N, C-alpha and C. Protein backbone atom coordinates (compact mmCIF):
# COMPACT_ATOMS: atom_id res chain seq x y z
N MET A 1 -27.19 10.24 18.67
CA MET A 1 -26.34 9.26 19.32
C MET A 1 -25.67 8.36 18.31
N SER A 2 -26.31 8.09 17.18
CA SER A 2 -25.71 7.23 16.17
C SER A 2 -24.49 7.87 15.52
N SER A 3 -24.44 9.22 15.45
CA SER A 3 -23.28 9.88 14.86
C SER A 3 -22.04 9.72 15.72
N SER A 4 -22.19 9.62 17.05
CA SER A 4 -21.04 9.43 17.92
C SER A 4 -20.44 8.04 17.75
N ASN A 5 -21.24 7.07 17.32
CA ASN A 5 -20.75 5.72 17.09
C ASN A 5 -19.96 5.60 15.80
N SER A 6 -20.11 6.57 14.90
CA SER A 6 -19.44 6.48 13.61
C SER A 6 -18.07 7.13 13.59
N VAL A 7 -17.64 7.72 14.72
CA VAL A 7 -16.33 8.36 14.79
C VAL A 7 -15.44 7.54 15.71
N TYR A 8 -14.28 7.13 15.19
CA TYR A 8 -13.30 6.39 15.96
C TYR A 8 -12.30 7.38 16.54
N ILE A 9 -12.06 7.35 17.84
CA ILE A 9 -11.12 8.26 18.49
C ILE A 9 -10.12 7.44 19.29
N ASN A 10 -8.82 7.69 19.05
CA ASN A 10 -7.76 7.04 19.79
C ASN A 10 -6.65 8.06 19.98
N GLU A 11 -6.46 8.52 21.21
CA GLU A 11 -5.50 9.57 21.55
C GLU A 11 -5.73 10.79 20.67
N LYS A 12 -4.75 11.17 19.82
CA LYS A 12 -4.88 12.37 18.99
C LYS A 12 -5.49 12.08 17.62
N PHE A 13 -5.79 10.85 17.34
CA PHE A 13 -6.31 10.48 16.03
C PHE A 13 -7.80 10.19 16.12
N SER A 14 -8.56 10.79 15.22
CA SER A 14 -9.98 10.46 15.13
C SER A 14 -10.30 10.20 13.68
N GLU A 15 -11.05 9.16 13.46
CA GLU A 15 -11.43 8.78 12.10
C GLU A 15 -12.91 9.02 11.94
N PRO A 16 -13.43 9.66 10.96
CA PRO A 16 -12.78 10.08 9.73
C PRO A 16 -12.22 11.51 9.74
N MET A 17 -12.34 12.23 10.84
CA MET A 17 -11.96 13.64 10.85
C MET A 17 -10.46 13.87 10.73
N ALA A 18 -9.61 13.02 11.27
CA ALA A 18 -8.18 13.24 11.27
C ALA A 18 -7.61 13.31 9.85
N ALA A 19 -8.07 12.44 8.98
CA ALA A 19 -7.55 12.45 7.60
C ALA A 19 -7.89 13.76 6.90
N GLN A 20 -9.08 14.25 7.08
CA GLN A 20 -9.47 15.52 6.47
C GLN A 20 -8.65 16.66 7.04
N HIS A 21 -8.45 16.67 8.33
CA HIS A 21 -7.68 17.72 8.99
C HIS A 21 -6.22 17.68 8.52
N GLU A 22 -5.63 16.50 8.49
CA GLU A 22 -4.24 16.37 8.07
C GLU A 22 -4.05 16.76 6.61
N PHE A 23 -4.99 16.43 5.77
CA PHE A 23 -4.89 16.81 4.36
C PHE A 23 -4.82 18.32 4.24
N ALA A 24 -5.70 19.01 4.93
CA ALA A 24 -5.71 20.48 4.87
C ALA A 24 -4.43 21.07 5.45
N ASN A 25 -3.83 20.42 6.42
CA ASN A 25 -2.58 20.92 7.01
C ASN A 25 -1.37 20.66 6.12
N ASN A 26 -1.41 19.66 5.29
CA ASN A 26 -0.25 19.26 4.49
C ASN A 26 -0.30 19.69 3.04
N PHE A 27 -1.44 20.11 2.56
CA PHE A 27 -1.58 20.48 1.16
C PHE A 27 -2.23 21.86 1.06
N ASP A 28 -1.84 22.60 0.03
CA ASP A 28 -2.35 23.95 -0.18
C ASP A 28 -3.76 23.88 -0.76
N MET A 29 -4.73 24.18 0.07
CA MET A 29 -6.12 24.11 -0.37
C MET A 29 -6.48 25.26 -1.31
N ASN A 30 -5.63 26.28 -1.41
CA ASN A 30 -5.88 27.37 -2.35
C ASN A 30 -5.47 27.01 -3.76
N ASP A 31 -4.70 25.91 -3.90
CA ASP A 31 -4.28 25.42 -5.22
C ASP A 31 -4.66 23.94 -5.31
N PRO A 32 -5.93 23.66 -5.58
CA PRO A 32 -6.38 22.26 -5.54
C PRO A 32 -5.69 21.36 -6.56
N THR A 33 -5.29 21.92 -7.71
CA THR A 33 -4.60 21.10 -8.72
C THR A 33 -3.25 20.63 -8.20
N ALA A 34 -2.50 21.54 -7.58
CA ALA A 34 -1.20 21.17 -7.02
C ALA A 34 -1.38 20.21 -5.84
N ALA A 35 -2.40 20.43 -5.02
CA ALA A 35 -2.66 19.55 -3.89
C ALA A 35 -2.98 18.14 -4.39
N MET A 36 -3.83 18.06 -5.40
CA MET A 36 -4.20 16.76 -5.96
C MET A 36 -2.99 16.05 -6.57
N SER A 37 -2.15 16.80 -7.26
CA SER A 37 -0.97 16.23 -7.89
C SER A 37 0.01 15.71 -6.83
N SER A 38 0.24 16.49 -5.78
CA SER A 38 1.13 16.05 -4.71
C SER A 38 0.59 14.81 -4.03
N TYR A 39 -0.70 14.81 -3.74
CA TYR A 39 -1.32 13.67 -3.09
C TYR A 39 -1.23 12.43 -3.98
N ALA A 40 -1.46 12.60 -5.27
CA ALA A 40 -1.39 11.46 -6.20
C ALA A 40 0.02 10.89 -6.23
N ARG A 41 1.05 11.75 -6.21
CA ARG A 41 2.44 11.28 -6.20
C ARG A 41 2.73 10.48 -4.93
N ILE A 42 2.28 11.02 -3.80
CA ILE A 42 2.50 10.33 -2.53
C ILE A 42 1.81 8.97 -2.52
N MET A 43 0.57 8.93 -2.98
CA MET A 43 -0.17 7.67 -3.00
C MET A 43 0.44 6.68 -4.00
N HIS A 44 0.97 7.18 -5.12
CA HIS A 44 1.62 6.31 -6.08
C HIS A 44 2.85 5.65 -5.45
N GLU A 45 3.66 6.44 -4.75
CA GLU A 45 4.84 5.89 -4.07
C GLU A 45 4.43 4.89 -3.00
N HIS A 46 3.39 5.21 -2.26
CA HIS A 46 2.90 4.30 -1.22
C HIS A 46 2.44 2.98 -1.83
N THR A 47 1.71 3.06 -2.94
CA THR A 47 1.22 1.85 -3.61
C THR A 47 2.38 1.02 -4.13
N LYS A 48 3.40 1.67 -4.70
CA LYS A 48 4.57 0.93 -5.19
C LYS A 48 5.27 0.21 -4.03
N LYS A 49 5.40 0.88 -2.89
CA LYS A 49 6.05 0.25 -1.73
C LYS A 49 5.23 -0.94 -1.24
N GLN A 50 3.91 -0.78 -1.20
CA GLN A 50 3.05 -1.87 -0.75
C GLN A 50 3.14 -3.07 -1.70
N LEU A 51 3.14 -2.80 -3.00
CA LEU A 51 3.24 -3.87 -3.99
C LEU A 51 4.59 -4.56 -3.89
N ASN A 52 5.64 -3.79 -3.72
CA ASN A 52 6.98 -4.36 -3.59
C ASN A 52 7.06 -5.23 -2.33
N SER A 53 6.49 -4.76 -1.25
CA SER A 53 6.48 -5.52 -0.01
C SER A 53 5.71 -6.83 -0.17
N ALA A 54 4.56 -6.77 -0.81
CA ALA A 54 3.76 -7.98 -1.04
C ALA A 54 4.49 -8.95 -1.96
N THR A 55 5.14 -8.43 -2.98
CA THR A 55 5.89 -9.28 -3.92
C THR A 55 7.04 -9.97 -3.20
N ASN A 56 7.78 -9.22 -2.39
CA ASN A 56 8.90 -9.82 -1.65
C ASN A 56 8.40 -10.87 -0.66
N SER A 57 7.29 -10.60 -0.03
CA SER A 57 6.71 -11.57 0.91
C SER A 57 6.31 -12.85 0.18
N ALA A 58 5.68 -12.70 -0.97
CA ALA A 58 5.28 -13.87 -1.74
C ALA A 58 6.49 -14.67 -2.21
N ARG A 59 7.55 -13.98 -2.58
CA ARG A 59 8.78 -14.68 -3.00
C ARG A 59 9.37 -15.46 -1.84
N ARG A 60 9.38 -14.84 -0.64
CA ARG A 60 9.93 -15.54 0.52
C ARG A 60 9.12 -16.78 0.84
N ARG A 61 7.79 -16.68 0.72
CA ARG A 61 6.93 -17.83 1.02
C ARG A 61 7.13 -18.96 0.01
N SER A 62 7.45 -18.61 -1.22
CA SER A 62 7.56 -19.64 -2.24
C SER A 62 8.99 -20.08 -2.51
N GLU A 63 9.95 -19.60 -1.72
CA GLU A 63 11.36 -19.97 -1.96
C GLU A 63 11.58 -21.47 -1.86
N GLY A 64 10.97 -22.13 -0.90
CA GLY A 64 11.14 -23.57 -0.74
C GLY A 64 10.62 -24.35 -1.93
N SER A 65 9.50 -23.95 -2.48
CA SER A 65 8.93 -24.67 -3.62
C SER A 65 9.59 -24.27 -4.93
N THR A 66 10.23 -23.10 -4.98
CA THR A 66 10.86 -22.64 -6.22
C THR A 66 12.03 -23.54 -6.59
N SER A 67 12.84 -23.98 -5.61
CA SER A 67 14.00 -24.79 -5.94
C SER A 67 13.59 -26.14 -6.52
N SER A 68 12.54 -26.75 -5.99
CA SER A 68 12.10 -28.04 -6.53
C SER A 68 11.44 -27.86 -7.89
N SER A 69 10.68 -26.80 -8.08
CA SER A 69 10.05 -26.60 -9.39
C SER A 69 11.09 -26.21 -10.44
N THR A 70 12.15 -25.52 -10.02
CA THR A 70 13.22 -25.17 -10.96
C THR A 70 13.92 -26.43 -11.43
N SER A 71 14.20 -27.36 -10.52
CA SER A 71 14.87 -28.58 -10.93
C SER A 71 13.96 -29.43 -11.83
N LEU A 72 12.68 -29.40 -11.59
CA LEU A 72 11.76 -30.13 -12.46
C LEU A 72 11.73 -29.49 -13.85
N GLN A 73 11.73 -28.18 -13.89
CA GLN A 73 11.73 -27.48 -15.17
C GLN A 73 13.03 -27.76 -15.92
N THR A 74 14.14 -27.81 -15.21
CA THR A 74 15.43 -28.08 -15.83
C THR A 74 15.45 -29.49 -16.42
N VAL A 75 14.98 -30.47 -15.67
CA VAL A 75 14.93 -31.85 -16.15
C VAL A 75 13.99 -31.92 -17.35
N SER A 76 12.86 -31.27 -17.26
CA SER A 76 11.88 -31.29 -18.33
C SER A 76 12.45 -30.66 -19.59
N SER A 77 13.12 -29.51 -19.47
CA SER A 77 13.67 -28.83 -20.66
C SER A 77 14.90 -29.56 -21.19
N ALA A 78 15.64 -30.24 -20.33
CA ALA A 78 16.82 -30.97 -20.79
C ALA A 78 16.41 -32.20 -21.58
N SER A 79 15.27 -32.80 -21.23
CA SER A 79 14.85 -33.98 -21.95
C SER A 79 14.19 -33.67 -23.29
N SER A 80 13.81 -32.41 -23.52
CA SER A 80 13.16 -32.10 -24.80
C SER A 80 14.11 -31.63 -25.82
């Protein structure tokens, strides 16, 4: 009974089984090196997109404070 509690099922998606099934459907399991390389490329692109999204979000949050800190930096550098 405890094993049934460890599987999440929602419509056609079940965790952790869906990820394993999808991997086998999308990558050539007969060529594990190529499968690993393709997966690594996909994950690298995904990570870059996530980092870019987080960076843009942080910039948007700090836009209001950036203008005041820029003017302080300008005054500070102009006086030196």
